[in-house]
Amino acid sequence: MPDYPTTIKEVGEALVKAAFEDLLSNKIYSKTALKILKEYSMKWKDYFRPALMIFACKSVGGNPSMVSPAAKALILASGGLDIHDDIIDESFVRSEKMYKTMVGQYGVSRSLLIGDCLIIGGLKCLHELWHILPKDKALAVVQAINQGLFELGSAEMEELNFVRNFQVTPRRYLRLVRMKAADVEAYTKIGGIIGGGSEEEIDALANFGRLLGMIAILRDDYHDTFYDKKELFSRITKESLPLPIVYSLGDDRCITLLNEMLQQPGDENISRLVSLLKDNGSEFKTKKTIDNLVQRAKKFANRTKDPRILISIFR
């Protein structure tokens, strides 16, 4: 579970709670679906992305109370896409603590339908925009959500080509990571639009969000590689390879170990692989890539009226 600063948790949690209250206010005829949705809402811990929309709005001097409809739409729709992604990856448990995902707890069929329900519920929230925003702003927000989710979906489709693919280059992988960060860009860009930011500020916030999304993905890559053996094995066998391994695909020793792991799974081969990634500089390259993204993100944050709350994310 992410260890968020108090401000991020408090701000994001309020929006998540509002999103699920809105979803559960609908007439849901299936008692099973209602039960699963209630249980899922209580387990939801991603407060970071919705808090970002508030922070982006504040950074341009806007009223953060106006972001709720857009935030709720993205929270629910992104949640649905996350569940569908777990189905594709066959992610039944997560981390060495063996925490069950939605798919692991309820099965593929029910999880697929719950994901659909979240996406539909998210889209329903968009009608509120027309009651609180001028038409041009509401249209701009809808367009940003549309672009973000379509690009995210395209990234998930392209990622299928990366499964057990030992020919992936760092450049190609980072291009995919950039696409997968599209929803985070949507959060920050929308915060800027609703907050009344200038065209330059909105563009800066979009770039900030895109880079921040990439940073989050690559930090997960780093953690999966060096601190979670079960997740690393899942990444190697069923998902896209994490960046530290991608940096090592030109090393024949790495390819040999990967093939051995596919044939003979075991902690010994994983430990050997992790040691290799540390010794051949791939760990260092990954850290350097993340650090460079952080510095670029800070530069874009500084183009807003009050970047302090955005910069504080990196502390």
Protein backbone atom coordinates (compact mmCIF):
# COMPACT_ATOMS: atom_id res chain seq x y z
CA MET A 1 0.00 0.00 0.00
CA PRO A 2 1.36 3.45 -0.90
CA ASP A 3 2.47 5.52 2.08
CA TYR A 4 1.01 8.89 1.11
CA PRO A 5 1.65 12.17 2.90
CA THR A 6 -1.36 13.19 5.00
CA THR A 7 -2.37 15.98 2.61
CA ILE A 8 -2.48 13.70 -0.43
CA LYS A 9 -4.47 11.04 1.43
CA GLU A 10 -7.00 13.48 2.85
CA VAL A 11 -7.55 15.32 -0.42
CA GLY A 12 -7.66 12.23 -2.61
CA GLU A 13 -9.73 10.15 -0.20
CA ALA A 14 -12.55 12.69 -0.22
CA LEU A 15 -12.80 12.52 -4.02
CA VAL A 16 -12.64 8.72 -4.08
CA LYS A 17 -15.40 8.52 -1.47
CA ALA A 18 -17.56 10.92 -3.50
CA ALA A 19 -16.96 8.88 -6.68
CA PHE A 20 -18.11 5.62 -5.11
CA GLU A 21 -21.05 7.24 -3.34
CA ASP A 22 -22.18 8.52 -6.73
CA LEU A 23 -21.71 5.08 -8.31
CA LEU A 24 -23.56 3.24 -5.54
CA SER A 25 -26.46 5.71 -5.67
CA ASN A 26 -27.51 4.09 -8.94
CA LYS A 27 -30.05 1.29 -8.99
CA ILE A 28 -27.90 -1.84 -9.11
CA TYR A 29 -30.22 -4.81 -9.51
CA SER A 30 -27.66 -7.55 -8.93
CA LYS A 31 -27.03 -8.15 -5.23
CA THR A 32 -23.74 -9.80 -6.13
CA ALA A 33 -22.58 -6.79 -8.13
CA LEU A 34 -23.63 -4.42 -5.35
CA LYS A 35 -21.76 -6.47 -2.75
CA ILE A 36 -18.57 -6.58 -4.85
CA LEU A 37 -18.70 -2.86 -5.61
CA LYS A 38 -19.10 -2.01 -1.92
CA GLU A 39 -16.20 -4.25 -0.96
CA TYR A 40 -14.06 -2.85 -3.77
CA SER A 41 -14.79 0.74 -2.73
CA MET A 42 -13.57 0.03 0.79
CA LYS A 43 -10.28 -1.41 -0.51
CA TRP A 44 -9.53 1.47 -2.89
CA LYS A 45 -6.27 3.16 -1.89
CA ASP A 46 -5.24 5.19 -4.96
CA TYR A 47 -5.60 8.72 -3.59
CA PHE A 48 -2.63 10.16 -5.44
CA ARG A 49 -4.11 10.77 -8.88
CA PRO A 50 -7.33 12.51 -7.77
CA ALA A 51 -5.33 14.66 -5.33
CA LEU A 52 -3.20 15.71 -8.30
CA MET A 53 -6.19 17.35 -9.94
CA ILE A 54 -6.77 19.44 -6.82
CA PHE A 55 -3.08 20.38 -6.64
CA ALA A 56 -3.00 21.36 -10.32
CA CYS A 57 -6.10 23.51 -9.90
CA LYS A 58 -4.59 25.26 -6.89
CA SER A 59 -1.28 25.82 -8.67
CA VAL A 60 -3.01 28.16 -11.15
CA GLY A 61 -5.12 29.90 -8.51
CA GLY A 62 -8.37 28.01 -9.17
CA ASN A 63 -11.22 26.84 -6.97
CA PRO A 64 -10.56 23.13 -6.17
CA SER A 65 -14.21 22.46 -5.29
CA MET A 66 -14.99 22.61 -9.02
CA VAL A 67 -12.96 19.53 -9.98
CA SER A 68 -15.20 16.89 -8.38
CA PRO A 69 -17.20 15.75 -11.47
CA ALA A 70 -14.11 15.34 -13.64
CA ALA A 71 -12.15 13.66 -10.84
CA LYS A 72 -14.98 11.20 -10.15
CA ALA A 73 -15.21 10.34 -13.85
CA LEU A 74 -11.50 9.56 -14.10
CA ILE A 75 -11.36 7.70 -10.78
CA LEU A 76 -14.08 5.27 -11.78
CA ALA A 77 -13.14 4.88 -15.45
CA SER A 78 -9.45 4.38 -14.62
CA GLY A 79 -10.43 1.85 -11.96
CA GLY A 80 -12.37 -0.12 -14.53
CA LEU A 81 -9.44 -0.11 -16.94
CA ASP A 82 -7.10 -1.22 -14.12
CA ILE A 83 -9.31 -4.25 -13.46
CA HIS A 84 -9.37 -5.12 -17.16
CA ASP A 85 -5.58 -4.80 -17.19
CA ASP A 86 -5.31 -7.30 -14.30
CA ILE A 87 -7.47 -9.71 -16.32
CA ILE A 88 -5.12 -9.40 -19.30
CA ASP A 89 -2.03 -9.87 -17.10
CA GLU A 90 -3.64 -12.77 -15.21
CA SER A 91 -2.81 -10.93 -11.99
CA PHE A 92 -4.53 -12.98 -9.30
CA VAL A 93 -2.29 -11.88 -6.43
CA ARG A 94 -0.03 -8.89 -5.97
CA SER A 95 3.28 -8.67 -4.07
CA GLU A 96 4.96 -11.19 -1.83
CA LYS A 97 2.21 -10.65 0.74
CA MET A 98 -0.07 -12.50 -1.72
CA TYR A 99 -2.69 -9.75 -1.68
CA LYS A 100 -5.56 -10.88 -3.91
CA THR A 101 -6.55 -8.64 -6.78
CA MET A 102 -10.15 -8.23 -7.88
CA VAL A 103 -9.55 -11.05 -10.39
CA GLY A 104 -8.06 -13.31 -7.75
CA GLN A 105 -10.94 -12.73 -5.36
CA TYR A 106 -13.96 -12.74 -7.68
CA GLY A 107 -12.81 -14.44 -10.88
CA VAL A 108 -12.42 -13.20 -14.44
CA SER A 109 -16.09 -12.98 -15.46
CA ARG A 110 -17.29 -11.02 -12.44
CA SER A 111 -14.22 -8.77 -12.53
CA LEU A 112 -14.82 -7.96 -16.19
CA LEU A 113 -18.39 -6.93 -15.48
CA ILE A 114 -17.40 -4.86 -12.44
CA GLY A 115 -14.79 -3.11 -14.59
CA ASP A 116 -17.50 -2.31 -17.13
CA CYS A 117 -19.71 -0.96 -14.33
CA LEU A 118 -16.96 1.37 -13.11
CA ILE A 119 -16.33 2.74 -16.61
CA ILE A 120 -20.04 3.37 -17.21
CA GLY A 121 -20.39 4.98 -13.78
CA GLY A 122 -17.44 7.24 -14.51
CA LEU A 123 -18.87 8.43 -17.81
CA LYS A 124 -22.16 9.20 -16.07
CA CYS A 125 -20.40 11.69 -13.80
CA LEU A 126 -19.52 13.89 -16.77
CA HIS A 127 -23.02 15.32 -17.05
CA GLU A 128 -22.35 17.34 -13.89
CA LEU A 129 -19.72 19.37 -15.75
CA TRP A 130 -22.38 21.20 -17.75
CA HIS A 131 -24.00 22.48 -14.55
CA ILE A 132 -20.88 24.05 -13.03
CA LEU A 133 -18.59 25.00 -15.92
CA PRO A 134 -18.94 27.23 -18.99
CA LYS A 135 -19.58 25.21 -22.14
CA ASP A 136 -16.09 25.73 -23.58
CA LYS A 137 -14.40 24.54 -20.38
CA ALA A 138 -16.71 21.54 -20.06
CA LEU A 139 -15.92 20.55 -23.65
CA ALA A 140 -12.18 20.96 -23.03
CA VAL A 141 -12.41 18.70 -19.95
CA VAL A 142 -14.35 16.01 -21.81
CA GLN A 143 -11.83 16.15 -24.64
CA ALA A 144 -8.93 15.75 -22.19
CA ILE A 145 -10.61 12.72 -20.58
CA ASN A 146 -11.37 11.26 -24.01
CA GLN A 147 -7.78 11.67 -25.20
CA GLY A 148 -6.28 10.37 -21.97
CA LEU A 149 -8.37 7.22 -21.76
CA PHE A 150 -8.06 6.39 -25.45
CA GLU A 151 -4.29 6.74 -25.30
CA LEU A 152 -4.15 4.64 -22.14
CA GLY A 153 -6.24 1.96 -23.84
CA SER A 154 -3.97 2.06 -26.87
CA ALA A 155 -0.95 1.63 -24.59
CA GLU A 156 -2.50 -1.46 -23.02
CA MET A 157 -3.08 -2.89 -26.51
CA GLU A 158 0.51 -2.16 -27.57
CA GLU A 159 1.87 -3.64 -24.35
CA LEU A 160 0.64 -7.07 -25.43
CA ASN A 161 3.52 -7.03 -27.92
CA PHE A 162 5.99 -6.71 -25.03
CA VAL A 163 5.04 -9.92 -23.20
CA ARG A 164 8.01 -12.36 -23.16
CA ASN A 165 9.64 -10.14 -25.76
CA PHE A 166 13.41 -10.09 -25.29
CA GLN A 167 13.95 -7.78 -28.30
CA VAL A 168 12.47 -4.65 -26.69
CA THR A 169 14.76 -1.61 -26.65
CA PRO A 170 14.82 1.00 -23.84
CA ARG A 171 13.64 3.65 -26.29
CA ARG A 172 10.67 1.58 -27.36
CA TYR A 173 9.77 0.68 -23.79
CA LEU A 174 9.96 4.30 -22.59
CA ARG A 175 7.69 5.29 -25.47
CA LEU A 176 5.14 2.79 -24.14
CA VAL A 177 5.58 4.11 -20.59
CA ARG A 178 4.88 7.61 -21.86
CA MET A 179 1.64 6.41 -23.45
CA LYS A 180 0.63 4.64 -20.21
CA ALA A 181 1.06 7.93 -18.33
CA ALA A 182 -1.72 9.56 -20.38
CA ASP A 183 -4.31 9.35 -17.62
CA VAL A 184 -2.06 11.18 -15.14
CA GLU A 185 -1.62 13.94 -17.71
CA ALA A 186 -5.41 14.13 -17.96
CA TYR A 187 -5.71 14.71 -14.19
CA THR A 188 -3.24 17.62 -14.13
CA LYS A 189 -4.35 19.16 -17.41
CA ILE A 190 -7.98 19.13 -16.32
CA GLY A 191 -7.03 20.70 -13.00
CA GLY A 192 -5.42 23.53 -14.95
CA ILE A 193 -8.42 23.95 -17.26
CA ILE A 194 -10.94 24.06 -14.42
CA GLY A 195 -8.65 26.31 -12.39
CA GLY A 196 -8.62 28.91 -15.15
CA GLY A 197 -4.93 28.56 -15.98
CA SER A 198 -3.44 30.28 -18.99
CA GLU A 199 -2.75 28.27 -22.13
CA GLU A 200 0.93 28.12 -21.15
CA GLU A 201 0.10 26.92 -17.62
CA ILE A 202 -2.29 24.23 -18.87
CA ASP A 203 0.37 23.00 -21.29
CA ALA A 204 2.95 22.98 -18.48
CA LEU A 205 0.59 21.03 -16.21
CA ALA A 206 -0.08 18.51 -18.97
CA ASN A 207 3.65 17.92 -19.39
CA PHE A 208 4.11 17.77 -15.62
CA GLY A 209 1.41 15.10 -15.33
CA ARG A 210 2.79 13.05 -18.19
CA LEU A 211 6.26 13.02 -16.63
CA LEU A 212 4.89 12.30 -13.16
CA GLY A 213 2.95 9.34 -14.56
CA MET A 214 6.13 8.00 -16.13
CA ILE A 215 8.00 8.43 -12.85
CA ALA A 216 5.32 6.46 -10.98
CA ILE A 217 5.42 3.62 -13.52
CA LEU A 218 9.22 3.42 -13.50
CA ARG A 219 9.39 3.52 -9.71
CA ASP A 220 7.03 0.55 -9.71
CA ASP A 221 9.37 -1.11 -12.23
CA TYR A 222 12.29 -0.54 -9.86
CA HIS A 223 10.37 -1.87 -6.84
CA ASP A 224 9.07 -4.91 -8.75
CA THR A 225 12.59 -5.75 -9.87
CA PHE A 226 14.59 -5.33 -6.68
CA TYR A 227 12.09 -5.78 -3.83
CA ASP A 228 9.34 -8.18 -4.92
CA LYS A 229 10.38 -11.58 -6.32
CA LYS A 230 6.84 -12.76 -7.02
CA GLU A 231 5.95 -9.60 -8.90
CA LEU A 232 9.20 -9.79 -10.85
CA PHE A 233 8.45 -13.36 -11.91
CA SER A 234 4.98 -12.28 -13.02
CA ARG A 235 6.49 -9.42 -15.04
CA ILE A 236 8.88 -11.82 -16.78
CA THR A 237 6.33 -14.52 -17.57
CA LYS A 238 3.02 -12.69 -18.16
CA GLU A 239 3.58 -8.94 -18.50
CA SER A 240 5.99 -6.41 -19.98
CA LEU A 241 9.55 -6.56 -18.67
CA PRO A 242 10.47 -3.79 -16.19
CA LEU A 243 12.97 -1.14 -17.27
CA PRO A 244 16.01 -2.53 -15.37
CA ILE A 245 15.69 -5.76 -17.35
CA VAL A 246 15.04 -3.92 -20.62
CA TYR A 247 18.33 -2.09 -20.08
CA SER A 248 20.03 -5.51 -19.81
CA LEU A 249 18.56 -7.22 -22.89
CA GLY A 250 21.79 -6.55 -24.79
CA ASP A 251 23.63 -8.63 -22.17
CA ASP A 252 23.70 -12.31 -23.21
CA ARG A 253 23.91 -13.35 -19.55
CA CYS A 254 20.55 -11.70 -18.94
CA ILE A 255 18.90 -13.47 -21.88
CA THR A 256 20.26 -16.80 -20.65
CA LEU A 257 18.86 -16.24 -17.16
CA LEU A 258 15.47 -15.15 -18.49
CA ASN A 259 15.17 -18.29 -20.61
CA GLU A 260 16.20 -20.43 -17.64
CA MET A 261 13.53 -18.76 -15.50
CA LEU A 262 10.85 -19.54 -18.08
CA GLN A 263 11.88 -23.21 -18.07
CA GLN A 264 12.77 -23.62 -14.39
CA PRO A 265 11.11 -21.03 -12.11
CA GLY A 266 12.83 -20.53 -8.79
CA ASP A 267 14.14 -17.96 -6.35
CA GLU A 268 17.75 -18.84 -7.14
CA ASN A 269 17.51 -17.69 -10.76
CA ILE A 270 15.65 -14.55 -9.72
CA SER A 271 18.37 -13.71 -7.21
CA ARG A 272 21.03 -14.26 -9.88
CA LEU A 273 19.18 -11.97 -12.26
CA VAL A 274 18.82 -9.20 -9.67
CA SER A 275 22.53 -9.40 -8.86
CA LEU A 276 23.35 -9.14 -12.56
CA LEU A 277 21.16 -6.05 -12.96
CA LYS A 278 23.02 -4.39 -10.11
CA ASP A 279 26.45 -5.37 -11.38
CA ASN A 280 26.04 -4.46 -15.06
CA GLY A 281 24.77 -0.93 -14.45
CA SER A 282 21.09 -1.46 -15.29
CA GLU A 283 20.00 -0.46 -11.78
CA PHE A 284 22.02 2.75 -12.07
CA LYS A 285 20.59 3.52 -15.52
CA THR A 286 17.04 3.09 -14.20
CA LYS A 287 17.66 5.43 -11.26
CA LYS A 288 19.24 7.99 -13.59
CA THR A 289 16.27 7.84 -15.96
CA ILE A 290 13.86 8.45 -13.08
CA ASP A 291 15.98 11.31 -11.70
CA ASN A 292 16.05 12.99 -15.12
CA LEU A 293 12.25 12.77 -15.36
CA VAL A 294 11.91 14.30 -11.88
CA GLN A 295 14.08 17.28 -12.84
CA ARG A 296 12.10 17.84 -16.04
CA ALA A 297 8.80 17.61 -14.15
CA LYS A 298 9.93 20.24 -11.63
CA LYS A 299 10.77 22.65 -14.47
CA PHE A 300 7.25 22.37 -15.84
CA ALA A 301 5.74 22.79 -12.35
CA ASN A 302 7.65 26.04 -11.96
CA ARG A 303 5.77 27.51 -14.91
CA THR A 304 2.57 27.76 -12.85
CA LYS A 305 1.55 30.64 -10.56
CA ASP A 306 2.20 28.66 -7.39
CA PRO A 307 4.24 25.50 -7.98
CA ARG A 308 4.94 24.78 -4.30
CA ILE A 309 2.25 22.13 -3.84
CA LEU A 310 3.36 20.32 -7.01
CA ILE A 311 7.04 20.42 -6.08
CA SER A 312 6.21 19.08 -2.60
CA ILE A 313 5.19 15.76 -4.19
CA PHE A 314 8.85 14.91 -4.69
CA ARG A 315 9.89 15.43 -1.08
